[in-house]
mmCIF file of all heavy atoms, coordinates in Angstrom:
data_MODEL
# 
_entry.id   MODEL 
# 
loop_
_atom_site.group_PDB 
_atom_site.id 
_atom_site.type_symbol 
_atom_site.label_atom_id 
_atom_site.label_alt_id 
_atom_site.label_comp_id 
_atom_site.label_asym_id 
_atom_site.label_entity_id 
_atom_site.label_seq_id 
_atom_site.pdbx_PDB_ins_code 
_atom_site.Cartn_x 
_atom_site.Cartn_y 
_atom_site.Cartn_z 
_atom_site.occupancy 
_atom_site.B_iso_or_equiv 
_atom_site.pdbx_formal_charge 
_atom_site.auth_seq_id 
_atom_site.auth_comp_id 
_atom_site.auth_asym_id 
_atom_site.auth_atom_id 
_atom_site.pdbx_PDB_model_num 
ATOM 1   N N   . THR A 1 1  ? 0.801  -1.193 -0.017  1.00 0.00 ? 1  THR A N   1 
ATOM 2   C CA  . THR A 1 1  ? 0.032  0.021  0.029   1.00 0.00 ? 1  THR A CA  1 
ATOM 3   C C   . THR A 1 1  ? 0.858  1.279  0.029   1.00 0.00 ? 1  THR A C   1 
ATOM 4   O O   . THR A 1 1  ? 0.419  2.258  -0.427  1.00 0.00 ? 1  THR A O   1 
ATOM 5   C CB  . THR A 1 1  ? -0.922 0.049  1.283   1.00 0.00 ? 1  THR A CB  1 
ATOM 6   O OG1 . THR A 1 1  ? -0.254 -0.046 2.413   1.00 0.00 ? 1  THR A OG1 1 
ATOM 7   C CG2 . THR A 1 1  ? -2.015 -1.138 1.129   1.00 0.00 ? 1  THR A CG2 1 
ATOM 8   N N   . ARG A 1 2  ? 2.078  1.179  0.531   1.00 0.00 ? 2  ARG A N   1 
ATOM 9   C CA  . ARG A 1 2  ? 2.989  2.304  0.486   1.00 0.00 ? 2  ARG A CA  1 
ATOM 10  C C   . ARG A 1 2  ? 3.292  2.705  -0.962  1.00 0.00 ? 2  ARG A C   1 
ATOM 11  O O   . ARG A 1 2  ? 3.463  3.916  -1.212  1.00 0.00 ? 2  ARG A O   1 
ATOM 12  C CB  . ARG A 1 2  ? 4.225  1.988  1.237   1.00 0.00 ? 2  ARG A CB  1 
ATOM 13  C CG  . ARG A 1 2  ? 5.161  3.117  1.422   1.00 0.00 ? 2  ARG A CG  1 
ATOM 14  C CD  . ARG A 1 2  ? 6.489  2.701  2.195   1.00 0.00 ? 2  ARG A CD  1 
ATOM 15  N NE  . ARG A 1 2  ? 6.143  2.102  3.421   1.00 0.00 ? 2  ARG A NE  1 
ATOM 16  C CZ  . ARG A 1 2  ? 6.439  0.837  3.771   1.00 0.00 ? 2  ARG A CZ  1 
ATOM 17  N NH1 . ARG A 1 2  ? 7.099  0.047  2.941   1.00 0.00 ? 2  ARG A NH1 1 
ATOM 18  N NH2 . ARG A 1 2  ? 6.115  0.329  4.992   1.00 0.00 ? 2  ARG A NH2 1 
ATOM 19  N N   . HIS A 1 3  ? 3.360  1.807  -1.833  1.00 0.00 ? 3  HIS A N   1 
ATOM 20  C CA  . HIS A 1 3  ? 3.620  2.075  -3.235  1.00 0.00 ? 3  HIS A CA  1 
ATOM 21  C C   . HIS A 1 3  ? 2.431  2.356  -4.089  1.00 0.00 ? 3  HIS A C   1 
ATOM 22  O O   . HIS A 1 3  ? 2.544  2.772  -5.299  1.00 0.00 ? 3  HIS A O   1 
ATOM 23  C CB  . HIS A 1 3  ? 4.450  0.878  -3.837  1.00 0.00 ? 3  HIS A CB  1 
ATOM 24  C CG  . HIS A 1 3  ? 5.853  0.747  -3.222  1.00 0.00 ? 3  HIS A CG  1 
ATOM 25  N ND1 . HIS A 1 3  ? 6.892  1.512  -3.582  1.00 0.00 ? 3  HIS A ND1 1 
ATOM 26  C CD2 . HIS A 1 3  ? 6.192  -0.051 -2.248  1.00 0.00 ? 3  HIS A CD2 1 
ATOM 27  C CE1 . HIS A 1 3  ? 7.950  1.163  -2.789  1.00 0.00 ? 3  HIS A CE1 1 
ATOM 28  N NE2 . HIS A 1 3  ? 7.557  0.256  -1.981  1.00 0.00 ? 3  HIS A NE2 1 
ATOM 29  N N   . ALA A 1 4  ? 1.252  2.086  -3.621  1.00 0.00 ? 4  ALA A N   1 
ATOM 30  C CA  . ALA A 1 4  ? 0.007  2.166  -4.388  1.00 0.00 ? 4  ALA A CA  1 
ATOM 31  C C   . ALA A 1 4  ? -0.254 3.613  -4.749  1.00 0.00 ? 4  ALA A C   1 
ATOM 32  O O   . ALA A 1 4  ? -0.099 4.489  -3.932  1.00 0.00 ? 4  ALA A O   1 
ATOM 33  C CB  . ALA A 1 4  ? -1.146 1.606  -3.580  1.00 0.00 ? 4  ALA A CB  1 
ATOM 34  N N   . GLY A 1 5  ? -0.642 3.877  -5.961  1.00 0.00 ? 5  GLY A N   1 
ATOM 35  C CA  . GLY A 1 5  ? -1.067 5.201  -6.370  1.00 0.00 ? 5  GLY A CA  1 
ATOM 36  C C   . GLY A 1 5  ? 0.044  6.111  -6.717  1.00 0.00 ? 5  GLY A C   1 
ATOM 37  O O   . GLY A 1 5  ? -0.237 7.297  -7.029  1.00 0.00 ? 5  GLY A O   1 
ATOM 38  N N   . ILE A 1 6  ? 1.297  5.750  -6.673  1.00 0.00 ? 6  ILE A N   1 
ATOM 39  C CA  . ILE A 1 6  ? 2.401  6.658  -7.010  1.00 0.00 ? 6  ILE A CA  1 
ATOM 40  C C   . ILE A 1 6  ? 2.417  6.693  -8.561  1.00 0.00 ? 6  ILE A C   1 
ATOM 41  O O   . ILE A 1 6  ? 2.597  5.688  -9.217  1.00 0.00 ? 6  ILE A O   1 
ATOM 42  C CB  . ILE A 1 6  ? 3.723  6.092  -6.476  1.00 0.00 ? 6  ILE A CB  1 
ATOM 43  C CG1 . ILE A 1 6  ? 3.700  6.205  -4.983  1.00 0.00 ? 6  ILE A CG1 1 
ATOM 44  C CG2 . ILE A 1 6  ? 4.814  7.032  -7.013  1.00 0.00 ? 6  ILE A CG2 1 
ATOM 45  C CD1 . ILE A 1 6  ? 4.942  5.595  -4.263  1.00 0.00 ? 6  ILE A CD1 1 
ATOM 46  N N   . LEU A 1 7  ? 2.367  7.987  -9.103  1.00 0.00 ? 7  LEU A N   1 
ATOM 47  C CA  . LEU A 1 7  ? 2.400  8.142  -10.525 1.00 0.00 ? 7  LEU A CA  1 
ATOM 48  C C   . LEU A 1 7  ? 3.862  8.287  -11.014 1.00 0.00 ? 7  LEU A C   1 
ATOM 49  O O   . LEU A 1 7  ? 4.222  7.851  -12.019 1.00 0.00 ? 7  LEU A O   1 
ATOM 50  C CB  . LEU A 1 7  ? 1.660  9.410  -10.972 1.00 0.00 ? 7  LEU A CB  1 
ATOM 51  C CG  . LEU A 1 7  ? 0.127  9.425  -10.578 1.00 0.00 ? 7  LEU A CG  1 
ATOM 52  C CD1 . LEU A 1 7  ? -0.417 10.718 -10.924 1.00 0.00 ? 7  LEU A CD1 1 
ATOM 53  C CD2 . LEU A 1 7  ? -0.604 8.244  -11.299 1.00 0.00 ? 7  LEU A CD2 1 
ATOM 54  N N   . ALA A 1 8  ? 4.724  8.923  -10.165 1.00 0.00 ? 8  ALA A N   1 
ATOM 55  C CA  . ALA A 1 8  ? 6.070  9.044  -10.506 1.00 0.00 ? 8  ALA A CA  1 
ATOM 56  C C   . ALA A 1 8  ? 6.830  9.614  -9.217  1.00 0.00 ? 8  ALA A C   1 
ATOM 57  O O   . ALA A 1 8  ? 6.124  10.065 -8.235  1.00 0.00 ? 8  ALA A O   1 
ATOM 58  C CB  . ALA A 1 8  ? 6.369  10.072 -11.596 1.00 0.00 ? 8  ALA A CB  1 
ATOM 59  N N   . THR A 1 9  ? 8.117  9.638  -9.134  1.00 0.00 ? 9  THR A N   1 
ATOM 60  C CA  . THR A 1 9  ? 8.841  10.194 -8.053  1.00 0.00 ? 9  THR A CA  1 
ATOM 61  C C   . THR A 1 9  ? 9.725  11.303 -8.680  1.00 0.00 ? 9  THR A C   1 
ATOM 62  O O   . THR A 1 9  ? 10.547 11.041 -9.656  1.00 0.00 ? 9  THR A O   1 
ATOM 63  C CB  . THR A 1 9  ? 9.748  9.222  -7.405  1.00 0.00 ? 9  THR A CB  1 
ATOM 64  O OG1 . THR A 1 9  ? 8.926  8.150  -6.738  1.00 0.00 ? 9  THR A OG1 1 
ATOM 65  C CG2 . THR A 1 9  ? 10.576 9.795  -6.280  1.00 0.00 ? 9  THR A CG2 1 
ATOM 66  N N   . PHE A 1 10 ? 9.555  12.506 -8.214  1.00 0.00 ? 10 PHE A N   1 
ATOM 67  C CA  . PHE A 1 10 ? 10.441 13.628 -8.673  1.00 0.00 ? 10 PHE A CA  1 
ATOM 68  C C   . PHE A 1 10 ? 11.582 13.674 -7.852  1.00 0.00 ? 10 PHE A C   1 
ATOM 69  O O   . PHE A 1 10 ? 11.585 13.841 -6.660  1.00 0.00 ? 10 PHE A O   1 
ATOM 70  C CB  . PHE A 1 10 ? 9.558  14.941 -8.493  1.00 0.00 ? 10 PHE A CB  1 
ATOM 71  C CG  . PHE A 1 10 ? 10.249 16.271 -8.925  1.00 0.00 ? 10 PHE A CG  1 
ATOM 72  C CD1 . PHE A 1 10 ? 11.347 16.215 -9.717  1.00 0.00 ? 10 PHE A CD1 1 
ATOM 73  C CD2 . PHE A 1 10 ? 9.704  17.407 -8.410  1.00 0.00 ? 10 PHE A CD2 1 
ATOM 74  C CE1 . PHE A 1 10 ? 12.012 17.414 -10.100 1.00 0.00 ? 10 PHE A CE1 1 
ATOM 75  C CE2 . PHE A 1 10 ? 10.325 18.592 -8.809  1.00 0.00 ? 10 PHE A CE2 1 
ATOM 76  C CZ  . PHE A 1 10 ? 11.427 18.674 -9.592  1.00 0.00 ? 10 PHE A CZ  1 
ATOM 77  N N   . ARG A 1 11 ? 12.797 13.528 -8.414  1.00 0.00 ? 11 ARG A N   1 
ATOM 78  C CA  . ARG A 1 11 ? 14.157 13.484 -7.865  1.00 0.00 ? 11 ARG A CA  1 
ATOM 79  C C   . ARG A 1 11 ? 14.878 14.654 -8.152  1.00 0.00 ? 11 ARG A C   1 
ATOM 80  O O   . ARG A 1 11 ? 15.054 15.025 -9.374  1.00 0.00 ? 11 ARG A O   1 
ATOM 81  C CB  . ARG A 1 11 ? 14.812 12.183 -8.185  1.00 0.00 ? 11 ARG A CB  1 
ATOM 82  C CG  . ARG A 1 11 ? 16.148 11.978 -7.431  1.00 0.00 ? 11 ARG A CG  1 
ATOM 83  C CD  . ARG A 1 11 ? 16.697 10.575 -7.794  1.00 0.00 ? 11 ARG A CD  1 
ATOM 84  N NE  . ARG A 1 11 ? 17.939 10.287 -7.163  1.00 0.00 ? 11 ARG A NE  1 
ATOM 85  C CZ  . ARG A 1 11 ? 17.988 9.759  -5.995  1.00 0.00 ? 11 ARG A CZ  1 
ATOM 86  N NH1 . ARG A 1 11 ? 16.968 9.442  -5.219  1.00 0.00 ? 11 ARG A NH1 1 
ATOM 87  N NH2 . ARG A 1 11 ? 19.209 9.570  -5.451  1.00 0.00 ? 11 ARG A NH2 1 
ATOM 88  N N   . LEU A 1 12 ? 15.470 15.379 -7.243  1.00 0.00 ? 12 LEU A N   1 
ATOM 89  C CA  . LEU A 1 12 ? 16.111 16.645 -7.451  1.00 0.00 ? 12 LEU A CA  1 
ATOM 90  C C   . LEU A 1 12 ? 17.335 16.756 -6.572  1.00 0.00 ? 12 LEU A C   1 
ATOM 91  O O   . LEU A 1 12 ? 17.346 16.415 -5.350  1.00 0.00 ? 12 LEU A O   1 
ATOM 92  C CB  . LEU A 1 12 ? 15.099 17.728 -7.123  1.00 0.00 ? 12 LEU A CB  1 
ATOM 93  C CG  . LEU A 1 12 ? 15.612 19.256 -7.319  1.00 0.00 ? 12 LEU A CG  1 
ATOM 94  C CD1 . LEU A 1 12 ? 15.884 19.453 -8.851  1.00 0.00 ? 12 LEU A CD1 1 
ATOM 95  C CD2 . LEU A 1 12 ? 14.444 20.186 -6.815  1.00 0.00 ? 12 LEU A CD2 1 
ATOM 96  N N   . THR A 1 13 ? 18.420 17.193 -7.149  1.00 0.00 ? 13 THR A N   1 
ATOM 97  C CA  . THR A 1 13 ? 19.715 17.471 -6.479  1.00 0.00 ? 13 THR A CA  1 
ATOM 98  C C   . THR A 1 13 ? 20.054 18.904 -6.522  1.00 0.00 ? 13 THR A C   1 
ATOM 99  O O   . THR A 1 13 ? 19.999 19.489 -7.690  1.00 0.00 ? 13 THR A O   1 
ATOM 100 C CB  . THR A 1 13 ? 20.906 16.574 -7.094  1.00 0.00 ? 13 THR A CB  1 
ATOM 101 O OG1 . THR A 1 13 ? 20.491 15.216 -7.058  1.00 0.00 ? 13 THR A OG1 1 
ATOM 102 C CG2 . THR A 1 13 ? 22.149 16.869 -6.370  1.00 0.00 ? 13 THR A CG2 1 
ATOM 103 N N   . THR A 1 14 ? 20.288 19.539 -5.458  1.00 0.00 ? 14 THR A N   1 
ATOM 104 C CA  . THR A 1 14 ? 20.734 20.987 -5.380  1.00 0.00 ? 14 THR A CA  1 
ATOM 105 C C   . THR A 1 14 ? 21.801 21.123 -4.298  1.00 0.00 ? 14 THR A C   1 
ATOM 106 O O   . THR A 1 14 ? 22.134 20.159 -3.584  1.00 0.00 ? 14 THR A O   1 
ATOM 107 C CB  . THR A 1 14 ? 19.537 21.926 -5.008  1.00 0.00 ? 14 THR A CB  1 
ATOM 108 O OG1 . THR A 1 14 ? 19.105 21.650 -3.724  1.00 0.00 ? 14 THR A OG1 1 
ATOM 109 C CG2 . THR A 1 14 ? 18.456 21.691 -5.992  1.00 0.00 ? 14 THR A CG2 1 
ATOM 110 N N   . GLY A 1 15 ? 22.262 22.360 -4.173  1.00 0.00 ? 15 GLY A N   1 
ATOM 111 C CA  . GLY A 1 15 ? 23.232 22.625 -3.139  1.00 0.00 ? 15 GLY A CA  1 
ATOM 112 C C   . GLY A 1 15 ? 22.728 22.647 -1.699  1.00 0.00 ? 15 GLY A C   1 
ATOM 113 O O   . GLY A 1 15 ? 23.487 22.567 -0.691  1.00 0.00 ? 15 GLY A O   1 
ATOM 114 N N   . GLY A 1 16 ? 21.360 22.769 -1.523  1.00 0.00 ? 16 GLY A N   1 
ATOM 115 C CA  . GLY A 1 16 ? 20.908 22.845 -0.144  1.00 0.00 ? 16 GLY A CA  1 
ATOM 116 C C   . GLY A 1 16 ? 19.428 22.227 -0.038  1.00 0.00 ? 16 GLY A C   1 
ATOM 117 O O   . GLY A 1 16 ? 18.679 22.362 -0.965  1.00 0.00 ? 16 GLY A O   1 
ATOM 118 N N   . ARG A 1 17 ? 19.180 21.794 1.120   1.00 0.00 ? 17 ARG A N   1 
ATOM 119 C CA  . ARG A 1 17 ? 17.923 21.178 1.513   1.00 0.00 ? 17 ARG A CA  1 
ATOM 120 C C   . ARG A 1 17 ? 16.759 22.143 1.397   1.00 0.00 ? 17 ARG A C   1 
ATOM 121 O O   . ARG A 1 17 ? 15.752 21.818 0.937   1.00 0.00 ? 17 ARG A O   1 
ATOM 122 C CB  . ARG A 1 17 ? 18.033 20.678 2.921   1.00 0.00 ? 17 ARG A CB  1 
ATOM 123 C CG  . ARG A 1 17 ? 16.813 19.986 3.476   1.00 0.00 ? 17 ARG A CG  1 
ATOM 124 C CD  . ARG A 1 17 ? 17.150 19.492 4.893   1.00 0.00 ? 17 ARG A CD  1 
ATOM 125 N NE  . ARG A 1 17 ? 15.904 19.166 5.564   1.00 0.00 ? 17 ARG A NE  1 
ATOM 126 C CZ  . ARG A 1 17 ? 15.276 20.039 6.437   1.00 0.00 ? 17 ARG A CZ  1 
ATOM 127 N NH1 . ARG A 1 17 ? 15.760 21.199 6.681   1.00 0.00 ? 17 ARG A NH1 1 
ATOM 128 N NH2 . ARG A 1 17 ? 14.129 19.633 6.949   1.00 0.00 ? 17 ARG A NH2 1 
ATOM 129 N N   . ASP A 1 18 ? 16.982 23.364 1.725   1.00 0.00 ? 18 ASP A N   1 
ATOM 130 C CA  . ASP A 1 18 ? 15.894 24.382 1.742   1.00 0.00 ? 18 ASP A CA  1 
ATOM 131 C C   . ASP A 1 18 ? 15.438 24.656 0.298   1.00 0.00 ? 18 ASP A C   1 
ATOM 132 O O   . ASP A 1 18 ? 14.212 24.853 0.079   1.00 0.00 ? 18 ASP A O   1 
ATOM 133 C CB  . ASP A 1 18 ? 16.277 25.655 2.439   1.00 0.00 ? 18 ASP A CB  1 
ATOM 134 C CG  . ASP A 1 18 ? 16.421 25.534 3.951   1.00 0.00 ? 18 ASP A CG  1 
ATOM 135 O OD1 . ASP A 1 18 ? 15.928 24.511 4.473   1.00 0.00 ? 18 ASP A OD1 1 
ATOM 136 O OD2 . ASP A 1 18 ? 17.155 26.433 4.513   1.00 0.00 ? 18 ASP A OD2 1 
ATOM 137 N N   . ASP A 1 19 ? 16.339 24.677 -0.670  1.00 0.00 ? 19 ASP A N   1 
ATOM 138 C CA  . ASP A 1 19 ? 16.018 24.817 -2.067  1.00 0.00 ? 19 ASP A CA  1 
ATOM 139 C C   . ASP A 1 19 ? 15.075 23.732 -2.560  1.00 0.00 ? 19 ASP A C   1 
ATOM 140 O O   . ASP A 1 19 ? 14.031 23.963 -3.178  1.00 0.00 ? 19 ASP A O   1 
ATOM 141 C CB  . ASP A 1 19 ? 17.218 24.923 -2.946  1.00 0.00 ? 19 ASP A CB  1 
ATOM 142 C CG  . ASP A 1 19 ? 18.139 25.996 -2.609  1.00 0.00 ? 19 ASP A CG  1 
ATOM 143 O OD1 . ASP A 1 19 ? 17.626 27.049 -2.128  1.00 0.00 ? 19 ASP A OD1 1 
ATOM 144 O OD2 . ASP A 1 19 ? 19.380 25.952 -2.861  1.00 0.00 ? 19 ASP A OD2 1 
ATOM 145 N N   . ILE A 1 20 ? 15.342 22.514 -2.188  1.00 0.00 ? 20 ILE A N   1 
ATOM 146 C CA  . ILE A 1 20 ? 14.560 21.384 -2.640  1.00 0.00 ? 20 ILE A CA  1 
ATOM 147 C C   . ILE A 1 20 ? 13.166 21.458 -1.936  1.00 0.00 ? 20 ILE A C   1 
ATOM 148 O O   . ILE A 1 20 ? 12.201 21.269 -2.595  1.00 0.00 ? 20 ILE A O   1 
ATOM 149 C CB  . ILE A 1 20 ? 15.263 20.066 -2.209  1.00 0.00 ? 20 ILE A CB  1 
ATOM 150 C CG1 . ILE A 1 20 ? 16.485 19.842 -3.104  1.00 0.00 ? 20 ILE A CG1 1 
ATOM 151 C CG2 . ILE A 1 20 ? 14.328 18.846 -2.360  1.00 0.00 ? 20 ILE A CG2 1 
ATOM 152 C CD1 . ILE A 1 20 ? 17.350 18.620 -2.751  1.00 0.00 ? 20 ILE A CD1 1 
ATOM 153 N N   . LEU A 1 21 ? 13.135 21.728 -0.663  1.00 0.00 ? 21 LEU A N   1 
ATOM 154 C CA  . LEU A 1 21 ? 11.918 21.783 0.038   1.00 0.00 ? 21 LEU A CA  1 
ATOM 155 C C   . LEU A 1 21 ? 10.950 22.845 -0.602  1.00 0.00 ? 21 LEU A C   1 
ATOM 156 O O   . LEU A 1 21 ? 9.724  22.687 -0.722  1.00 0.00 ? 21 LEU A O   1 
ATOM 157 C CB  . LEU A 1 21 ? 12.006 22.004 1.517   1.00 0.00 ? 21 LEU A CB  1 
ATOM 158 C CG  . LEU A 1 21 ? 12.756 20.761 2.256   1.00 0.00 ? 21 LEU A CG  1 
ATOM 159 C CD1 . LEU A 1 21 ? 12.930 21.072 3.686   1.00 0.00 ? 21 LEU A CD1 1 
ATOM 160 C CD2 . LEU A 1 21 ? 11.839 19.570 2.078   1.00 0.00 ? 21 LEU A CD2 1 
ATOM 161 N N   . ALA A 1 22 ? 11.556 24.014 -0.898  1.00 0.00 ? 22 ALA A N   1 
ATOM 162 C CA  . ALA A 1 22 ? 10.773 25.143 -1.476  1.00 0.00 ? 22 ALA A CA  1 
ATOM 163 C C   . ALA A 1 22 ? 10.202 24.676 -2.827  1.00 0.00 ? 22 ALA A C   1 
ATOM 164 O O   . ALA A 1 22 ? 9.050  24.898 -3.183  1.00 0.00 ? 22 ALA A O   1 
ATOM 165 C CB  . ALA A 1 22 ? 11.613 26.346 -1.646  1.00 0.00 ? 22 ALA A CB  1 
ATOM 166 N N   . ILE A 1 23 ? 10.991 23.969 -3.633  1.00 0.00 ? 23 ILE A N   1 
ATOM 167 C CA  . ILE A 1 23 ? 10.541 23.568 -5.003  1.00 0.00 ? 23 ILE A CA  1 
ATOM 168 C C   . ILE A 1 23 ? 9.465  22.477 -4.839  1.00 0.00 ? 23 ILE A C   1 
ATOM 169 O O   . ILE A 1 23 ? 8.416  22.569 -5.483  1.00 0.00 ? 23 ILE A O   1 
ATOM 170 C CB  . ILE A 1 23 ? 11.723 23.045 -5.885  1.00 0.00 ? 23 ILE A CB  1 
ATOM 171 C CG1 . ILE A 1 23 ? 12.653 24.133 -6.230  1.00 0.00 ? 23 ILE A CG1 1 
ATOM 172 C CG2 . ILE A 1 23 ? 11.238 22.303 -7.084  1.00 0.00 ? 23 ILE A CG2 1 
ATOM 173 C CD1 . ILE A 1 23 ? 14.028 23.758 -6.627  1.00 0.00 ? 23 ILE A CD1 1 
ATOM 174 N N   . PHE A 1 24 ? 9.656  21.532 -3.907  1.00 0.00 ? 24 PHE A N   1 
ATOM 175 C CA  . PHE A 1 24 ? 8.643  20.542 -3.673  1.00 0.00 ? 24 PHE A CA  1 
ATOM 176 C C   . PHE A 1 24 ? 7.325  21.116 -3.164  1.00 0.00 ? 24 PHE A C   1 
ATOM 177 O O   . PHE A 1 24 ? 6.282  20.666 -3.479  1.00 0.00 ? 24 PHE A O   1 
ATOM 178 C CB  . PHE A 1 24 ? 9.322  19.421 -2.691  1.00 0.00 ? 24 PHE A CB  1 
ATOM 179 C CG  . PHE A 1 24 ? 10.204 18.479 -3.345  1.00 0.00 ? 24 PHE A CG  1 
ATOM 180 C CD1 . PHE A 1 24 ? 10.801 17.523 -2.596  1.00 0.00 ? 24 PHE A CD1 1 
ATOM 181 C CD2 . PHE A 1 24 ? 10.512 18.557 -4.702  1.00 0.00 ? 24 PHE A CD2 1 
ATOM 182 C CE1 . PHE A 1 24 ? 11.771 16.638 -3.142  1.00 0.00 ? 24 PHE A CE1 1 
ATOM 183 C CE2 . PHE A 1 24 ? 11.450 17.651 -5.245  1.00 0.00 ? 24 PHE A CE2 1 
ATOM 184 C CZ  . PHE A 1 24 ? 12.042 16.706 -4.497  1.00 0.00 ? 24 PHE A CZ  1 
ATOM 185 N N   . ASN A 1 25 ? 7.523  22.111 -2.344  1.00 0.00 ? 25 ASN A N   1 
ATOM 186 C CA  . ASN A 1 25 ? 6.265  22.730 -1.834  1.00 0.00 ? 25 ASN A CA  1 
ATOM 187 C C   . ASN A 1 25 ? 5.503  23.425 -2.941  1.00 0.00 ? 25 ASN A C   1 
ATOM 188 O O   . ASN A 1 25 ? 4.303  23.412 -2.932  1.00 0.00 ? 25 ASN A O   1 
ATOM 189 C CB  . ASN A 1 25 ? 6.579  23.690 -0.734  1.00 0.00 ? 25 ASN A CB  1 
ATOM 190 C CG  . ASN A 1 25 ? 6.733  23.037 0.602   1.00 0.00 ? 25 ASN A CG  1 
ATOM 191 O OD1 . ASN A 1 25 ? 5.977  22.093 0.958   1.00 0.00 ? 25 ASN A OD1 1 
ATOM 192 N ND2 . ASN A 1 25 ? 7.787  23.439 1.361   1.00 0.00 ? 25 ASN A ND2 1 
ATOM 193 N N   . GLN A 1 26 ? 6.173  23.993 -3.943  1.00 0.00 ? 26 GLN A N   1 
ATOM 194 C CA  . GLN A 1 26 ? 5.495  24.535 -5.188  1.00 0.00 ? 26 GLN A CA  1 
ATOM 195 C C   . GLN A 1 26 ? 4.697  23.431 -5.920  1.00 0.00 ? 26 GLN A C   1 
ATOM 196 O O   . GLN A 1 26 ? 3.586  23.667 -6.356  1.00 0.00 ? 26 GLN A O   1 
ATOM 197 C CB  . GLN A 1 26 ? 6.476  25.143 -6.154  1.00 0.00 ? 26 GLN A CB  1 
ATOM 198 C CG  . GLN A 1 26 ? 7.147  26.343 -5.655  1.00 0.00 ? 26 GLN A CG  1 
ATOM 199 C CD  . GLN A 1 26 ? 8.222  26.782 -6.647  1.00 0.00 ? 26 GLN A CD  1 
ATOM 200 O OE1 . GLN A 1 26 ? 8.298  26.317 -7.802  1.00 0.00 ? 26 GLN A OE1 1 
ATOM 201 N NE2 . GLN A 1 26 ? 9.103  27.759 -6.292  1.00 0.00 ? 26 GLN A NE2 1 
ATOM 202 N N   . ILE A 1 27 ? 5.330  22.275 -5.968  1.00 0.00 ? 27 ILE A N   1 
ATOM 203 C CA  . ILE A 1 27 ? 4.674  21.137 -6.687  1.00 0.00 ? 27 ILE A CA  1 
ATOM 204 C C   . ILE A 1 27 ? 3.510  20.641 -5.916  1.00 0.00 ? 27 ILE A C   1 
ATOM 205 O O   . ILE A 1 27 ? 2.372  20.440 -6.446  1.00 0.00 ? 27 ILE A O   1 
ATOM 206 C CB  . ILE A 1 27 ? 5.675  19.894 -6.899  1.00 0.00 ? 27 ILE A CB  1 
ATOM 207 C CG1 . ILE A 1 27 ? 6.970  20.422 -7.653  1.00 0.00 ? 27 ILE A CG1 1 
ATOM 208 C CG2 . ILE A 1 27 ? 5.010  18.735 -7.566  1.00 0.00 ? 27 ILE A CG2 1 
ATOM 209 C CD1 . ILE A 1 27 ? 6.703  20.950 -9.004  1.00 0.00 ? 27 ILE A CD1 1 
# 
């Protein structure tokens, strides 16, 4: 059930955690 309904996984690499979290929050 943990994997059920996942359409895709967005994977992102940047210089900092805050950048990733901000982008993911936009999504």
